[in-house]
Amino acid sequence: MAPPGSAHPAFGLGGLVLTGGMVGYMKKGSKASLGAGIVCGSLLIGSGVLISRENQYEGHILASTTSGIMALGMGHRFVKTAKFMPAGIVASIGALSMAYHAKKAIEWAP
C-alpha cells in the first residue's frame, strides 16, 4: 500500500537533507553537515514511516520538531553569515515543514 499523502513531505525533505549533508561533506569536508544531514534526514524519514504506519500524530510531531530544530539552527547560521545558500534556504524550508507538520499534528491530536 502506498504511504498517505501527508507522509510524502517528510520522506522528500528527509531525502533532501540526507543528500545535502553528504554534498556538504564531499564539497567542503564539513563533518557537521554530514552529521546533521544524517541525523535530521533520518529523523524525517522515520517520521514518514510513522505517518505511513497509522501513527500520524507521533510522526507529525517528530517531523515538526526536527524541522523546527533545523530551521532554528540554519536560521542562526543565516543571520551570522548572510548567505542564503544553503543556510537561508534550509531555514526557510525547515520553517515551512514545521508549520505544515504542526498543522497536521493538531488535526491528528488524540
C-alpha atoms as a PDB file:
ATOM      1  CA  MET A   1       0.000   0.000   0.000  1.00  0.00           C
ATOM      2  CA  ALA A   2       1.237   3.491  -0.833  1.00  0.00           C
ATOM      3  CA  PRO A   3       2.006   5.872   2.038  1.00  0.00           C
ATOM      4  CA  PRO A   4      -0.602   8.534   2.794  1.00  0.00           C
ATOM      5  CA  GLY A   5      -0.119  11.928   1.179  1.00  0.00           C
ATOM      6  CA  SER A   6       0.932  13.620   4.402  1.00  0.00           C
ATOM      7  CA  ALA A   7       3.962  11.290   4.667  1.00  0.00           C
ATOM      8  CA  HIS A   8       5.407  12.427   1.330  1.00  0.00           C
ATOM      9  CA  PRO A   9       6.772  15.799   2.570  1.00  0.00           C
ATOM     10  CA  ALA A  10       8.600  14.033   5.407  1.00  0.00           C
ATOM     11  CA  PHE A  11      10.129  11.453   3.066  1.00  0.00           C
ATOM     12  CA  GLY A  12      11.032  14.103   0.488  1.00  0.00           C
ATOM     13  CA  LEU A  13      12.631  16.529   2.922  1.00  0.00           C
ATOM     14  CA  GLY A  14      14.403  13.678   4.714  1.00  0.00           C
ATOM     15  CA  GLY A  15      15.997  12.536   1.465  1.00  0.00           C
ATOM     16  CA  LEU A  16      16.897  16.093   0.527  1.00  0.00           C
ATOM     17  CA  VAL A  17      18.527  16.753   3.918  1.00  0.00           C
ATOM     18  CA  LEU A  18      20.477  13.468   3.791  1.00  0.00           C
ATOM     19  CA  THR A  19      21.721  14.319   0.312  1.00  0.00           C
ATOM     20  CA  GLY A  20      22.581  17.889   1.323  1.00  0.00           C
ATOM     21  CA  GLY A  21      24.630  16.661   4.262  1.00  0.00           C
ATOM     22  CA  MET A  22      26.598  14.311   2.036  1.00  0.00           C
ATOM     23  CA  VAL A  23      27.166  17.025  -0.579  1.00  0.00           C
ATOM     24  CA  GLY A  24      28.376  19.438   2.125  1.00  0.00           C
ATOM     25  CA  TYR A  25      30.847  16.842   3.305  1.00  0.00           C
ATOM     26  CA  MET A  26      32.088  15.987  -0.192  1.00  0.00           C
ATOM     27  CA  LYS A  27      32.464  19.621  -1.312  1.00  0.00           C
ATOM     28  CA  LYS A  28      33.788  21.277   1.858  1.00  0.00           C
ATOM     29  CA  GLY A  29      34.783  18.363   4.086  1.00  0.00           C
ATOM     30  CA  SER A  30      32.198  19.500   6.637  1.00  0.00           C
ATOM     31  CA  LYS A  31      31.660  16.770   9.213  1.00  0.00           C
ATOM     32  CA  ALA A  32      28.987  18.956  10.855  1.00  0.00           C
ATOM     33  CA  SER A  33      26.983  18.974   7.615  1.00  0.00           C
ATOM     34  CA  LEU A  34      27.339  15.225   7.282  1.00  0.00           C
ATOM     35  CA  GLY A  35      26.318  14.558  10.885  1.00  0.00           C
ATOM     36  CA  ALA A  36      23.390  16.964  10.862  1.00  0.00           C
ATOM     37  CA  GLY A  37      22.248  15.674   7.480  1.00  0.00           C
ATOM     38  CA  ILE A  38      22.300  12.070   8.654  1.00  0.00           C
ATOM     39  CA  VAL A  39      20.556  12.794  11.968  1.00  0.00           C
ATOM     40  CA  CYS A  40      17.895  15.210  10.678  1.00  0.00           C
ATOM     41  CA  GLY A  41      17.330  13.306   7.443  1.00  0.00           C
ATOM     42  CA  SER A  42      16.933  10.010   9.290  1.00  0.00           C
ATOM     43  CA  LEU A  43      14.504  11.536  11.798  1.00  0.00           C
ATOM     44  CA  LEU A  44      12.411  12.998   8.984  1.00  0.00           C
ATOM     45  CA  ILE A  45      12.353   9.695   7.098  1.00  0.00           C
ATOM     46  CA  GLY A  46      11.469   7.957  10.370  1.00  0.00           C
ATOM     47  CA  SER A  47       8.587  10.373  10.856  1.00  0.00           C
ATOM     48  CA  GLY A  48       7.365   9.489   7.360  1.00  0.00           C
ATOM     49  CA  VAL A  49       7.433   5.821   8.324  1.00  0.00           C
ATOM     50  CA  LEU A  50       5.422   6.574  11.474  1.00  0.00           C
ATOM     51  CA  ILE A  51       2.854   8.507   9.464  1.00  0.00           C
ATOM     52  CA  SER A  52       2.629   5.620   6.974  1.00  0.00           C
ATOM     53  CA  ARG A  53       2.041   3.128   9.772  1.00  0.00           C
ATOM     54  CA  GLU A  54      -1.024   4.903  11.118  1.00  0.00           C
ATOM     55  CA  ASN A  55       0.876   6.786  13.837  1.00  0.00           C
ATOM     56  CA  GLN A  56       0.090  10.120  12.221  1.00  0.00           C
ATOM     57  CA  TYR A  57       0.151  12.225  15.383  1.00  0.00           C
ATOM     58  CA  GLU A  58       3.539  10.928  16.552  1.00  0.00           C
ATOM     59  CA  GLY A  59       5.011  11.140  13.055  1.00  0.00           C
ATOM     60  CA  HIS A  60       3.902  14.727  12.538  1.00  0.00           C
ATOM     61  CA  ILE A  61       5.180  15.738  15.995  1.00  0.00           C
ATOM     62  CA  LEU A  62       8.589  14.205  15.197  1.00  0.00           C
ATOM     63  CA  ALA A  63       8.716  15.878  11.767  1.00  0.00           C
ATOM     64  CA  SER A  64       7.619  19.233  13.194  1.00  0.00           C
ATOM     65  CA  THR A  65      10.204  19.112  15.973  1.00  0.00           C
ATOM     66  CA  THR A  66      13.023  18.043  13.651  1.00  0.00           C
ATOM     67  CA  SER A  67      12.096  20.712  11.094  1.00  0.00           C
ATOM     68  CA  GLY A  68      11.927  23.364  13.814  1.00  0.00           C
ATOM     69  CA  ILE A  69      15.376  22.488  15.116  1.00  0.00           C
ATOM     70  CA  MET A  70      16.707  22.600  11.553  1.00  0.00           C
ATOM     71  CA  ALA A  71      15.061  25.988  10.943  1.00  0.00           C
ATOM     72  CA  LEU A  72      16.473  27.443  14.166  1.00  0.00           C
ATOM     73  CA  GLY A  73      19.986  26.121  13.608  1.00  0.00           C
ATOM     74  CA  MET A  74      20.233  27.177   9.994  1.00  0.00           C
ATOM     75  CA  GLY A  75      18.391  30.435  10.668  1.00  0.00           C
ATOM     76  CA  HIS A  76      21.044  31.311  13.243  1.00  0.00           C
ATOM     77  CA  ARG A  77      23.738  30.488  10.703  1.00  0.00           C
ATOM     78  CA  PHE A  78      21.988  32.610   8.050  1.00  0.00           C
ATOM     79  CA  VAL A  79      21.873  35.615  10.413  1.00  0.00           C
ATOM     80  CA  LYS A  80      25.603  35.217  11.140  1.00  0.00           C
ATOM     81  CA  THR A  81      26.771  34.710   7.548  1.00  0.00           C
ATOM     82  CA  ALA A  82      24.028  36.425   5.492  1.00  0.00           C
ATOM     83  CA  LYS A  83      24.485  33.644   2.909  1.00  0.00           C
ATOM     84  CA  PHE A  84      21.137  32.461   1.586  1.00  0.00           C
ATOM     85  CA  MET A  85      22.622  29.263   0.195  1.00  0.00           C
ATOM     86  CA  PRO A  86      22.485  26.875   1.982  1.00  0.00           C
ATOM     87  CA  ALA A  87      21.627  28.341   5.393  1.00  0.00           C
ATOM     88  CA  GLY A  88      18.759  30.625   4.373  1.00  0.00           C
ATOM     89  CA  ILE A  89      17.110  28.126   2.091  1.00  0.00           C
ATOM     90  CA  VAL A  90      17.334  25.271   4.611  1.00  0.00           C
ATOM     91  CA  ALA A  91      15.976  27.559   7.354  1.00  0.00           C
ATOM     92  CA  SER A  92      13.074  28.569   5.104  1.00  0.00           C
ATOM     93  CA  ILE A  93      12.236  25.011   4.073  1.00  0.00           C
ATOM     94  CA  GLY A  94      12.541  23.880   7.699  1.00  0.00           C
ATOM     95  CA  ALA A  95      10.130  26.586   8.845  1.00  0.00           C
ATOM     96  CA  LEU A  96       7.612  25.660   6.154  1.00  0.00           C
ATOM     97  CA  SER A  97       7.908  21.982   7.028  1.00  0.00           C
ATOM     98  CA  MET A  98       7.493  22.735  10.725  1.00  0.00           C
ATOM     99  CA  ALA A  99       4.314  24.737  10.046  1.00  0.00           C
ATOM    100  CA  TYR A 100       2.857  22.002   7.821  1.00  0.00           C
ATOM    101  CA  HIS A 101       3.589  19.167  10.229  1.00  0.00           C
ATOM    102  CA  ALA A 102       2.405  21.168  13.270  1.00  0.00           C
ATOM    103  CA  LYS A 103      -0.901  21.779  11.460  1.00  0.00           C
ATOM    104  CA  LYS A 104      -1.221  18.073  10.660  1.00  0.00           C
ATOM    105  CA  ALA A 105      -0.311  17.098  14.249  1.00  0.00           C
ATOM    106  CA  ILE A 106      -3.101  19.338  15.528  1.00  0.00           C
ATOM    107  CA  GLU A 107      -5.517  17.644  13.116  1.00  0.00           C
ATOM    108  CA  TRP A 108      -4.478  14.182  14.355  1.00  0.00           C
ATOM    109  CA  ALA A 109      -4.232  15.067  18.060  1.00  0.00           C
ATOM    110  CA  PRO A 110      -5.850  12.428  20.273  1.00  0.00           C
END
